Amino acid sequence: VTATQLAKRGARVRVLERYTIPGGSSGFYERDGYCFDVGASMIFGFGQQGTTNLLTRALADVGMEIETIPDPVQIDYHLPSGLEVRVHRDYDRFVQELGDRFPDERAGIRRFYDECWNVFNALNSIELLSLEDSRYLLSVFLQNPIACLQLVRYFPVNVGDVARKHIRNKELLAFIDMECYCWSVAPADLTPMINAGMVFSDRHYGGINYPKGGVGKISEKLAEGLERHGSVIEYKANVQEILFENGKAVGVRLTNGSERRARVIVSNATRWDTFEKLVPNHLVPSIEKKFQERYEKSPSFLSLHLGVEKDIISPDEDCHHIVLEEWKNLTDARDAQGTIFVSIPTLLDPSLAPPDRHIFHIFTPSFIEEFHGLSGRDYMARKESLADRLIARLEAKCFPGLSSAVRFREVGSARTHRKYLGRVDGSYGPVPNKRLRGLLPMPFNRTEVPGLYCVGDSSFPGQGLNAVAFSGFACGYRVAADLGLVETYPALDDFLHSALLKPRLRIPDPT
Protein backbone atom coordinates (compact mmCIF):
# COMPACT_ATOMS: atom_id res chain seq x y z
CA VAL A 1 0.00 0.00 0.00
CA THR A 2 2.85 2.42 0.80
CA ALA A 3 4.41 1.79 -2.60
CA THR A 4 1.15 2.38 -4.48
CA GLN A 5 0.43 5.55 -2.50
CA LEU A 6 3.84 6.88 -3.50
CA ALA A 7 3.52 5.76 -7.11
CA LYS A 8 0.18 7.50 -7.56
CA ARG A 9 1.88 10.74 -6.49
CA GLY A 10 4.60 10.38 -9.08
CA ALA A 11 7.38 8.64 -7.15
CA ARG A 12 9.34 5.84 -8.78
CA VAL A 13 9.37 3.00 -6.28
CA ARG A 14 11.38 -0.21 -6.20
CA VAL A 15 9.80 -2.90 -4.02
CA LEU A 16 12.18 -5.63 -2.85
CA GLU A 17 10.18 -8.83 -2.31
CA ARG A 18 12.04 -11.73 -0.75
CA TYR A 19 9.67 -14.34 -2.19
CA THR A 20 8.62 -15.24 -5.74
CA ILE A 21 5.18 -13.60 -5.54
CA PRO A 22 3.88 -10.49 -3.75
CA GLY A 23 1.80 -10.47 -0.60
CA GLY A 24 3.66 -12.19 2.22
CA SER A 25 1.03 -13.47 4.66
CA SER A 26 -1.67 -12.24 2.28
CA GLY A 27 -0.28 -14.40 -0.51
CA PHE A 28 -1.35 -17.83 -1.75
CA TYR A 29 0.00 -21.15 -2.92
CA GLU A 30 -1.39 -23.92 -5.09
CA ARG A 31 -1.33 -27.68 -4.54
CA ASP A 32 -3.22 -30.50 -6.29
CA GLY A 33 -5.97 -28.26 -7.63
CA TYR A 34 -6.36 -26.21 -4.42
CA CYS A 35 -5.60 -22.50 -4.07
CA PHE A 36 -4.76 -21.88 -0.41
CA ASP A 37 -4.60 -18.50 1.32
CA VAL A 38 -1.35 -18.25 3.27
CA GLY A 39 -2.93 -16.17 6.03
CA ALA A 40 -6.37 -15.04 7.12
CA SER A 41 -9.39 -15.13 4.81
CA MET A 42 -11.43 -12.65 6.89
CA ILE A 43 -10.93 -9.46 4.88
CA PHE A 44 -11.94 -5.96 5.97
CA GLY A 45 -11.64 -2.74 3.97
CA PHE A 46 -13.63 -3.59 0.82
CA GLY A 47 -16.64 -1.40 1.57
CA GLN A 48 -17.94 1.09 -1.00
CA GLN A 49 -18.56 4.14 1.19
CA GLY A 50 -16.92 6.27 3.84
CA THR A 51 -13.14 6.54 4.31
CA THR A 52 -12.33 3.30 6.13
CA ASN A 53 -12.64 1.15 2.98
CA LEU A 54 -8.87 1.18 2.73
CA LEU A 55 -8.37 -1.75 0.35
CA THR A 56 -10.97 -0.45 -2.08
CA ARG A 57 -9.24 2.95 -2.00
CA ALA A 58 -5.71 1.53 -2.32
CA LEU A 59 -6.67 -0.45 -5.43
CA ALA A 60 -8.59 2.44 -6.98
CA ASP A 61 -5.63 4.77 -6.47
CA VAL A 62 -3.66 2.71 -9.01
CA GLY A 63 -6.58 2.00 -11.31
CA MET A 64 -7.44 -1.47 -10.00
CA GLU A 65 -10.50 -3.18 -8.58
CA ILE A 66 -11.41 -6.65 -7.36
CA GLU A 67 -14.67 -8.56 -7.44
CA THR A 68 -15.58 -9.59 -3.90
CA ILE A 69 -18.08 -11.94 -2.29
CA PRO A 70 -19.94 -10.67 0.81
CA ASP A 71 -19.81 -12.85 3.91
CA PRO A 72 -23.09 -12.67 5.91
CA VAL A 73 -21.43 -13.81 9.17
CA GLN A 74 -18.01 -12.61 10.30
CA ILE A 75 -17.43 -15.35 12.89
CA ASP A 76 -19.27 -18.29 14.36
CA TYR A 77 -17.92 -18.60 17.92
CA HIS A 78 -17.90 -21.99 19.71
CA LEU A 79 -16.82 -21.14 23.26
CA PRO A 80 -16.74 -22.62 26.78
CA SER A 81 -19.95 -23.56 28.62
CA GLY A 82 -21.85 -23.90 25.38
CA LEU A 83 -21.53 -20.21 24.44
CA GLU A 84 -22.37 -20.08 20.73
CA VAL A 85 -22.39 -16.63 19.11
CA ARG A 86 -22.66 -15.66 15.45
CA VAL A 87 -21.47 -12.19 14.49
CA HIS A 88 -23.93 -11.29 11.77
CA ARG A 89 -23.23 -8.57 9.24
CA ASP A 90 -26.53 -7.12 10.45
CA TYR A 91 -25.52 -5.21 13.59
CA ASP A 92 -28.91 -5.21 15.30
CA ARG A 93 -29.33 -8.94 14.80
CA PHE A 94 -25.88 -9.60 16.32
CA VAL A 95 -26.58 -7.41 19.38
CA GLN A 96 -30.07 -8.91 19.79
CA GLU A 97 -28.80 -12.51 19.78
CA LEU A 98 -25.91 -11.71 22.14
CA GLY A 99 -28.41 -10.01 24.44
CA ASP A 100 -30.63 -13.11 24.32
CA ARG A 101 -27.67 -15.09 25.72
CA PHE A 102 -27.01 -12.46 28.41
CA PRO A 103 -30.42 -10.86 29.07
CA ASP A 104 -29.26 -9.05 32.24
CA GLU A 105 -26.54 -7.36 30.21
CA ARG A 106 -28.62 -6.46 27.18
CA ALA A 107 -28.39 -2.69 27.78
CA GLY A 108 -24.67 -2.87 28.59
CA ILE A 109 -23.96 -4.84 25.41
CA ARG A 110 -25.69 -2.20 23.33
CA ARG A 111 -23.85 0.65 25.12
CA PHE A 112 -20.45 -1.02 24.68
CA TYR A 113 -20.79 -1.72 20.97
CA ASP A 114 -22.43 1.67 20.38
CA GLU A 115 -19.36 3.27 21.94
CA CYS A 116 -17.25 1.34 19.45
CA TRP A 117 -19.44 2.87 16.75
CA ASN A 118 -18.63 6.34 18.14
CA VAL A 119 -14.95 5.66 17.45
CA PHE A 120 -15.64 4.21 14.02
CA ASN A 121 -17.92 7.04 12.95
CA ALA A 122 -15.21 9.55 13.88
CA LEU A 123 -12.63 7.63 11.84
CA ASN A 124 -15.03 7.19 8.96
CA SER A 125 -15.70 10.91 8.70
CA ILE A 126 -12.11 11.96 7.97
CA GLU A 127 -9.54 10.96 5.39
CA LEU A 128 -7.07 8.55 7.01
CA LEU A 129 -3.54 9.73 6.28
CA SER A 130 -0.43 10.57 8.33
CA LEU A 131 -0.70 11.90 11.88
CA GLU A 132 2.90 13.06 11.43
CA ASP A 133 1.90 15.66 8.85
CA SER A 134 0.90 19.05 10.28
CA ARG A 135 -0.90 20.26 7.17
CA TYR A 136 -3.06 17.13 7.10
CA LEU A 137 -3.87 17.44 10.81
CA LEU A 138 -4.85 21.10 10.48
CA SER A 139 -6.99 20.29 7.46
CA VAL A 140 -8.96 17.43 9.04
CA PHE A 141 -9.38 19.35 12.29
CA LEU A 142 -10.85 22.35 10.51
CA GLN A 143 -13.15 20.06 8.50
CA ASN A 144 -14.36 17.99 11.44
CA PRO A 145 -13.13 19.18 14.85
CA ILE A 146 -15.63 17.07 16.79
CA ALA A 147 -14.46 13.81 15.19
CA CYS A 148 -10.82 14.72 15.83
CA LEU A 149 -11.47 15.51 19.50
CA GLN A 150 -13.41 12.26 19.81
CA LEU A 151 -10.43 10.29 18.54
CA VAL A 152 -7.98 12.14 20.79
CA ARG A 153 -10.16 11.14 23.73
CA TYR A 154 -9.81 7.43 22.87
CA PHE A 155 -6.12 7.42 21.99
CA PRO A 156 -4.95 6.38 25.49
CA VAL A 157 -7.87 3.98 26.09
CA ASN A 158 -7.96 0.18 25.86
CA VAL A 159 -11.02 -1.96 25.13
CA GLY A 160 -11.09 -3.49 28.61
CA ASP A 161 -11.52 -0.07 30.21
CA VAL A 162 -14.62 0.60 28.11
CA ALA A 163 -16.07 -2.92 28.41
CA ARG A 164 -15.98 -2.89 32.22
CA LYS A 165 -17.72 0.48 32.22
CA HIS A 166 -20.79 -1.12 30.66
CA ILE A 167 -20.59 -4.85 31.47
CA ARG A 168 -20.26 -6.83 34.73
CA ASN A 169 -20.82 -10.45 33.70
CA LYS A 170 -17.47 -12.30 33.75
CA GLU A 171 -18.38 -14.68 30.95
CA LEU A 172 -19.43 -11.78 28.74
CA LEU A 173 -16.19 -9.93 29.53
CA ALA A 174 -14.32 -13.09 28.56
CA PHE A 175 -16.23 -13.01 25.26
CA ILE A 176 -15.04 -9.41 24.70
CA ASP A 177 -11.49 -10.68 25.35
CA MET A 178 -12.03 -13.23 22.58
CA GLU A 179 -13.52 -10.57 20.28
CA CYS A 180 -10.20 -8.72 20.62
CA TYR A 181 -7.90 -11.74 20.61
CA CYS A 182 -9.19 -13.09 17.31
CA TRP A 183 -7.52 -10.22 15.40
CA SER A 184 -5.07 -8.53 17.82
CA VAL A 185 -3.74 -11.70 19.56
CA ALA A 186 -4.21 -9.81 22.83
CA PRO A 187 -7.07 -9.65 25.36
CA ALA A 188 -9.21 -6.55 25.81
CA ASP A 189 -6.99 -4.90 28.43
CA LEU A 190 -4.10 -4.86 25.93
CA THR A 191 -6.09 -3.90 22.80
CA PRO A 192 -6.39 -0.20 21.83
CA MET A 193 -9.96 1.09 21.64
CA ILE A 194 -9.25 2.95 18.38
CA ASN A 195 -8.42 -0.33 16.62
CA ALA A 196 -11.38 -2.16 18.14
CA GLY A 197 -13.75 0.61 17.09
CA MET A 198 -12.63 0.05 13.52
CA VAL A 199 -12.93 -3.77 13.59
CA PHE A 200 -16.10 -4.13 15.67
CA SER A 201 -18.00 -1.65 13.50
CA ASP A 202 -16.61 -2.04 9.98
CA ARG A 203 -17.66 -5.70 9.96
CA HIS A 204 -21.24 -4.37 9.99
CA TYR A 205 -20.66 -1.19 7.93
CA GLY A 206 -18.44 -2.23 5.02
CA GLY A 207 -18.69 -5.89 5.97
CA ILE A 208 -16.40 -8.86 5.47
CA ASN A 209 -15.85 -9.40 1.76
CA TYR A 210 -13.79 -12.22 0.25
CA PRO A 211 -11.82 -11.53 -2.96
CA LYS A 212 -12.99 -13.77 -5.79
CA GLY A 213 -10.08 -16.05 -6.66
CA GLY A 214 -8.50 -15.84 -3.20
CA VAL A 215 -6.79 -13.33 -0.93
CA GLY A 216 -3.68 -13.40 -3.10
CA LYS A 217 -5.60 -11.41 -5.73
CA ILE A 218 -5.26 -8.29 -3.56
CA SER A 219 -1.46 -8.27 -3.76
CA GLU A 220 -1.49 -9.28 -7.42
CA LYS A 221 -3.72 -6.34 -8.33
CA LEU A 222 -1.73 -3.88 -6.20
CA ALA A 223 1.47 -5.11 -7.86
CA GLU A 224 -0.06 -4.75 -11.31
CA GLY A 225 -1.22 -1.22 -10.56
CA LEU A 226 2.17 -0.32 -9.13
CA GLU A 227 3.98 -1.48 -12.26
CA ARG A 228 1.49 0.35 -14.51
CA HIS A 229 2.49 3.53 -12.67
CA GLY A 230 6.12 3.06 -13.65
CA SER A 231 7.47 1.39 -10.53
CA VAL A 232 9.26 -1.94 -10.16
CA ILE A 233 8.91 -5.07 -8.02
CA GLU A 234 12.06 -7.13 -7.72
CA TYR A 235 11.42 -10.71 -6.58
CA LYS A 236 13.81 -13.03 -4.72
CA ALA A 237 15.42 -9.87 -3.35
CA ASN A 238 16.41 -10.67 0.23
CA VAL A 239 17.75 -7.62 2.10
CA GLN A 240 20.77 -8.31 4.29
CA GLU A 241 21.46 -4.83 5.65
CA ILE A 242 20.57 -1.17 5.26
CA LEU A 243 23.39 1.02 3.96
CA PHE A 244 24.28 4.33 5.64
CA GLU A 245 26.35 7.36 4.76
CA ASN A 246 26.97 9.96 7.47
CA GLY A 247 24.22 8.37 9.56
CA LYS A 248 21.58 8.55 6.78
CA ALA A 249 19.95 5.50 5.18
CA VAL A 250 20.89 5.57 1.49
CA GLY A 251 20.28 2.04 0.26
CA VAL A 252 20.32 -1.67 1.00
CA ARG A 253 22.61 -4.63 0.36
CA LEU A 254 21.01 -7.91 -0.69
CA THR A 255 22.17 -11.36 0.36
CA ASN A 256 23.67 -11.84 -3.12
CA GLY A 257 25.97 -8.86 -2.48
CA SER A 258 24.31 -6.43 -4.86
CA GLU A 259 23.21 -2.98 -3.70
CA ARG A 260 20.18 -0.79 -4.34
CA ARG A 261 20.33 2.98 -3.69
CA ALA A 262 17.39 5.30 -3.01
CA ARG A 263 16.46 8.68 -1.55
CA VAL A 264 14.49 7.01 1.24
CA ILE A 265 14.24 3.47 2.61
CA VAL A 266 10.97 2.00 3.89
CA SER A 267 11.18 -1.18 5.96
CA ASN A 268 8.15 -3.47 6.07
CA ALA A 269 10.07 -5.86 8.31
CA THR A 270 9.13 -6.08 11.97
CA ARG A 271 10.72 -3.57 14.34
CA TRP A 272 12.90 -6.42 15.71
CA ASP A 273 14.12 -7.45 12.26
CA THR A 274 14.74 -3.83 11.25
CA PHE A 275 16.64 -2.62 14.32
CA GLU A 276 18.31 -5.86 15.39
CA LYS A 277 19.37 -7.19 11.98
CA LEU A 278 19.31 -4.46 9.33
CA VAL A 279 20.50 -1.38 11.28
CA PRO A 280 23.89 -1.31 13.10
CA ASN A 281 23.50 -1.23 16.86
CA HIS A 282 25.22 2.15 17.25
CA LEU A 283 22.56 3.76 15.05
CA VAL A 284 19.54 2.29 16.88
CA PRO A 285 17.59 5.20 18.47
CA SER A 286 16.54 5.17 22.11
CA ILE A 287 12.85 5.14 21.24
CA GLU A 288 13.32 1.83 19.42
CA LYS A 289 14.83 0.36 22.57
CA LYS A 290 11.85 1.74 24.49
CA PHE A 291 9.54 -0.02 22.01
CA GLN A 292 11.17 -3.34 22.85
CA GLU A 293 10.68 -2.67 26.57
CA ARG A 294 6.94 -2.16 26.05
CA TYR A 295 6.13 -4.72 23.37
CA GLU A 296 6.97 -8.36 22.89
CA LYS A 297 6.76 -10.67 19.92
CA SER A 298 3.41 -12.36 19.62
CA PRO A 299 3.40 -16.06 18.84
CA SER A 300 3.36 -17.38 15.31
CA PHE A 301 0.82 -19.99 14.19
CA LEU A 302 0.60 -23.69 13.64
CA SER A 303 -1.26 -23.78 10.33
CA LEU A 304 -3.14 -26.63 8.64
CA HIS A 305 -4.28 -26.45 5.03
CA LEU A 306 -6.73 -29.28 4.38
CA GLY A 307 -8.66 -30.48 1.37
CA VAL A 308 -11.75 -32.32 2.63
CA GLU A 309 -14.77 -34.05 1.13
CA LYS A 310 -17.45 -31.50 0.38
CA ASP A 311 -20.32 -33.28 2.12
CA ILE A 312 -18.62 -33.05 5.53
CA ILE A 313 -20.45 -29.74 6.08
CA SER A 314 -23.73 -28.13 5.03
CA PRO A 315 -23.67 -25.57 2.19
CA ASP A 316 -25.20 -23.15 4.72
CA GLU A 317 -22.25 -23.44 7.12
CA ASP A 318 -20.45 -20.24 8.12
CA CYS A 319 -17.07 -19.52 6.58
CA HIS A 320 -15.19 -18.50 9.74
CA HIS A 321 -15.21 -20.23 13.11
CA ILE A 322 -13.37 -19.77 16.39
CA VAL A 323 -13.19 -22.63 18.87
CA LEU A 324 -12.14 -22.72 22.53
CA GLU A 325 -13.12 -25.20 25.25
CA GLU A 326 -11.73 -23.47 28.38
CA TRP A 327 -11.31 -19.74 29.00
CA LYS A 328 -8.01 -20.30 30.78
CA ASN A 329 -6.52 -21.39 27.44
CA LEU A 330 -7.61 -18.27 25.53
CA THR A 331 -4.06 -16.96 25.00
CA ASP A 332 -2.26 -20.31 25.26
CA ALA A 333 0.23 -20.78 22.42
CA ARG A 334 1.66 -24.19 23.26
CA ASP A 335 0.71 -27.81 22.57
CA ALA A 336 -2.20 -26.87 20.26
CA GLN A 337 -4.54 -26.27 23.20
CA GLY A 338 -5.29 -22.55 22.71
CA THR A 339 -7.78 -20.74 20.50
CA ILE A 340 -8.46 -22.37 17.11
CA PHE A 341 -9.23 -20.30 14.02
CA VAL A 342 -11.01 -21.97 11.08
CA SER A 343 -11.63 -20.57 7.60
CA ILE A 344 -13.54 -22.43 4.89
CA PRO A 345 -13.22 -20.01 1.96
CA THR A 346 -14.71 -22.45 -0.57
CA LEU A 347 -18.10 -21.77 1.03
CA LEU A 348 -17.77 -18.31 -0.54
CA ASP A 349 -15.70 -19.16 -3.62
CA PRO A 350 -15.95 -22.84 -4.68
CA SER A 351 -13.47 -22.25 -7.53
CA LEU A 352 -10.57 -22.47 -5.03
CA ALA A 353 -10.82 -26.28 -4.80
CA PRO A 354 -11.79 -29.28 -6.94
CA PRO A 355 -15.58 -29.60 -7.39
CA ASP A 356 -16.07 -32.25 -4.71
CA ARG A 357 -13.81 -30.64 -2.07
CA HIS A 358 -13.72 -27.88 0.52
CA ILE A 359 -10.68 -26.07 1.87
CA PHE A 360 -10.25 -25.95 5.63
CA HIS A 361 -7.58 -23.54 6.84
CA ILE A 362 -7.05 -24.24 10.54
CA PHE A 363 -4.57 -22.38 12.71
CA THR A 364 -3.72 -21.78 16.34
CA PRO A 365 -1.08 -19.59 18.04
CA SER A 366 2.25 -21.36 18.48
CA PHE A 367 5.68 -20.20 19.63
CA ILE A 368 8.73 -21.18 17.64
CA GLU A 369 10.29 -22.61 20.82
CA GLU A 370 7.96 -25.60 20.42
CA PHE A 371 10.23 -26.75 17.60
CA HIS A 372 13.67 -25.82 18.88
CA GLY A 373 16.36 -28.49 18.94
CA LEU A 374 14.41 -31.07 16.96
CA SER A 375 15.89 -33.23 14.24
CA GLY A 376 14.21 -33.10 10.84
CA ARG A 377 12.34 -36.30 11.57
CA ASP A 378 11.26 -35.21 15.06
CA TYR A 379 10.21 -31.81 13.73
CA MET A 380 7.88 -33.40 11.17
CA ALA A 381 6.47 -35.76 13.79
CA ARG A 382 5.85 -32.86 16.20
CA LYS A 383 3.99 -30.87 13.54
CA GLU A 384 1.79 -33.82 12.60
CA SER A 385 1.05 -34.65 16.23
CA LEU A 386 -0.10 -31.10 16.95
CA ALA A 387 -2.17 -31.11 13.76
CA ASP A 388 -3.90 -34.33 14.86
CA ARG A 389 -4.74 -32.66 18.18
CA LEU A 390 -6.36 -29.68 16.46
CA ILE A 391 -8.46 -31.88 14.20
CA ALA A 392 -9.58 -34.00 17.16
CA ARG A 393 -10.66 -30.87 19.04
CA LEU A 394 -12.65 -29.62 16.06
CA GLU A 395 -14.31 -33.02 15.62
CA ALA A 396 -15.39 -32.99 19.26
CA LYS A 397 -16.69 -29.41 19.18
CA CYS A 398 -18.25 -28.64 15.80
CA PHE A 399 -17.04 -30.72 12.82
CA PRO A 400 -17.73 -34.43 13.48
CA GLY A 401 -16.09 -36.81 11.04
CA LEU A 402 -13.50 -34.25 9.90
CA SER A 403 -10.46 -36.53 10.22
CA SER A 404 -11.92 -39.23 7.97
CA ALA A 405 -12.91 -36.66 5.31
CA VAL A 406 -9.40 -35.23 4.82
CA ARG A 407 -7.97 -35.90 1.35
CA PHE A 408 -5.13 -33.37 1.34
CA ARG A 409 -3.12 -32.13 4.31
CA GLU A 410 -0.17 -29.79 4.74
CA VAL A 411 1.09 -28.45 8.06
CA GLY A 412 3.13 -25.29 8.60
CA SER A 413 4.79 -24.11 11.80
CA ALA A 414 6.43 -20.99 13.19
CA ARG A 415 9.58 -22.15 11.40
CA THR A 416 7.65 -22.20 8.12
CA HIS A 417 6.43 -18.65 8.67
CA ARG A 418 9.92 -17.46 9.58
CA LYS A 419 11.37 -19.02 6.43
CA TYR A 420 8.83 -17.82 3.88
CA LEU A 421 7.59 -14.57 5.44
CA GLY A 422 10.92 -13.36 6.82
CA ARG A 423 9.45 -12.43 10.21
CA VAL A 424 11.39 -12.82 13.43
CA ASP A 425 10.43 -16.19 14.98
CA GLY A 426 7.52 -16.28 12.52
CA SER A 427 5.75 -13.80 14.82
CA TYR A 428 2.36 -12.32 13.94
CA GLY A 429 3.61 -8.96 15.23
CA PRO A 430 4.04 -6.93 18.44
CA VAL A 431 1.75 -7.19 21.46
CA PRO A 432 2.06 -5.14 24.66
CA ASN A 433 3.93 -7.01 27.39
CA LYS A 434 1.90 -5.04 29.96
CA ARG A 435 -1.08 -2.72 29.95
CA LEU A 436 -0.19 0.42 28.01
CA ARG A 437 -2.03 3.65 27.33
CA GLY A 438 -3.86 2.61 24.18
CA LEU A 439 -2.05 3.75 21.04
CA LEU A 440 0.04 6.49 22.66
CA PRO A 441 3.29 4.45 22.85
CA MET A 442 3.04 2.97 19.33
CA PRO A 443 5.81 4.34 17.05
CA PHE A 444 4.94 6.17 13.84
CA ASN A 445 6.37 5.69 10.34
CA ARG A 446 9.20 8.20 10.59
CA THR A 447 12.11 6.82 12.57
CA GLU A 448 14.90 8.73 14.30
CA VAL A 449 17.27 7.39 11.66
CA PRO A 450 17.40 9.91 8.79
CA GLY A 451 16.08 8.48 5.54
CA LEU A 452 14.53 5.40 7.19
CA TYR A 453 10.81 4.76 7.64
CA CYS A 454 8.94 1.75 9.04
CA VAL A 455 5.52 0.47 8.02
CA GLY A 456 3.29 -2.46 8.92
CA ASP A 457 2.08 -3.99 12.17
CA SER A 458 5.08 -2.70 14.16
CA SER A 459 4.05 0.89 13.37
CA PHE A 460 1.02 2.98 14.33
CA PRO A 461 -1.77 1.90 14.59
CA GLY A 462 -0.56 -1.71 15.04
CA GLN A 463 -2.02 -5.12 14.24
CA GLY A 464 -5.06 -6.07 12.24
CA LEU A 465 -5.72 -5.86 8.49
CA ASN A 466 -7.27 -2.38 8.49
CA ALA A 467 -4.61 -1.09 10.89
CA VAL A 468 -1.78 -2.30 8.64
CA ALA A 469 -3.49 -0.79 5.58
CA PHE A 470 -3.84 2.49 7.51
CA SER A 471 -0.12 2.32 8.28
CA GLY A 472 0.55 1.95 4.56
CA PHE A 473 -1.52 5.01 3.67
CA ALA A 474 0.12 7.05 6.45
CA CYS A 475 3.65 6.05 5.50
CA GLY A 476 3.10 6.72 1.81
CA TYR A 477 1.79 10.20 2.57
CA ARG A 478 4.58 11.03 5.04
CA VAL A 479 7.31 9.91 2.63
CA ALA A 480 5.64 11.79 -0.25
CA ALA A 481 5.62 14.94 1.88
CA ASP A 482 9.30 14.55 2.73
CA LEU A 483 10.10 14.06 -0.97
CA GLY A 484 8.19 17.22 -1.90
CA LEU A 485 5.45 15.35 -3.77
CA VAL A 486 2.65 16.83 -1.64
CA GLU A 487 2.39 20.26 -0.12
CA THR A 488 3.46 20.40 3.52
CA TYR A 489 4.83 22.66 6.25
CA PRO A 490 8.37 21.35 6.94
CA ALA A 491 9.08 23.51 9.99
CA LEU A 492 5.77 22.60 11.60
CA ASP A 493 6.33 18.94 10.72
CA ASP A 494 9.70 18.93 12.47
CA PHE A 495 8.13 20.55 15.53
CA LEU A 496 5.27 18.03 15.45
CA HIS A 497 7.71 15.12 15.16
CA SER A 498 9.64 16.32 18.19
CA ALA A 499 6.42 17.01 20.10
CA LEU A 500 5.15 13.49 19.40
CA LEU A 501 8.46 11.79 20.14
CA LYS A 502 9.49 13.21 23.50
CA PRO A 503 6.22 12.63 25.38
CA ARG A 504 6.07 9.03 24.09
CA LEU A 505 9.48 8.37 25.57
CA ARG A 506 8.27 9.65 28.93
CA ILE A 507 4.74 8.21 28.95
CA PRO A 508 4.35 6.32 32.26
CA ASP A 509 2.80 2.91 31.80
CA PRO A 510 -0.37 2.25 33.85
CA THR A 511 0.05 0.36 37.09
Foldseek 3Di string as FASTA:
>chain_A
DLLLLQLLLPDADEAEAQAPADDQQLAWDDDPQFIGRSHDQFDFLCFDDFALSLLQVSLVSLPHDFDWFFAQWRAFEQEAPRDTATHGLANVVRLVVVCVVVVVQSVLSVVLLVLLLLLVVLVRHAHQAAPLFPVRVVVRCVVPVVSVVSNVVQQQPFSLVSSVVRDDDPVVQLVQQLVCCVFALGGRLQARSNVVSNVSPSCNVRNGIGGAPGSNVSRVSSQVSSVVSPYYYDYSFAFQAFDDDPLAGFWTATPVGDIDGDQFAEDQAALCCHQVTHDDVVSADPLSVVLPVFKDFQFAKKKKKFKFFQVLDDLPDGFKYKYAHDSVQASPAPLLRYIKIWGFCCSRHVSSHPPGIIIIMIMDGHFLVNQPPDDPVVSVVSSVVSVVVNVVRCCVRPRPPGVVGTDDMDIDHLVNLCVRSVHVSSTQGITTPDRFRRQLLQAAQDDPRHRYGYAAQSHPPHTGDSRRSSNSNHNSVVVCVVVVSDDGDVVVSVVSVVVSPPVSVVGDGDD
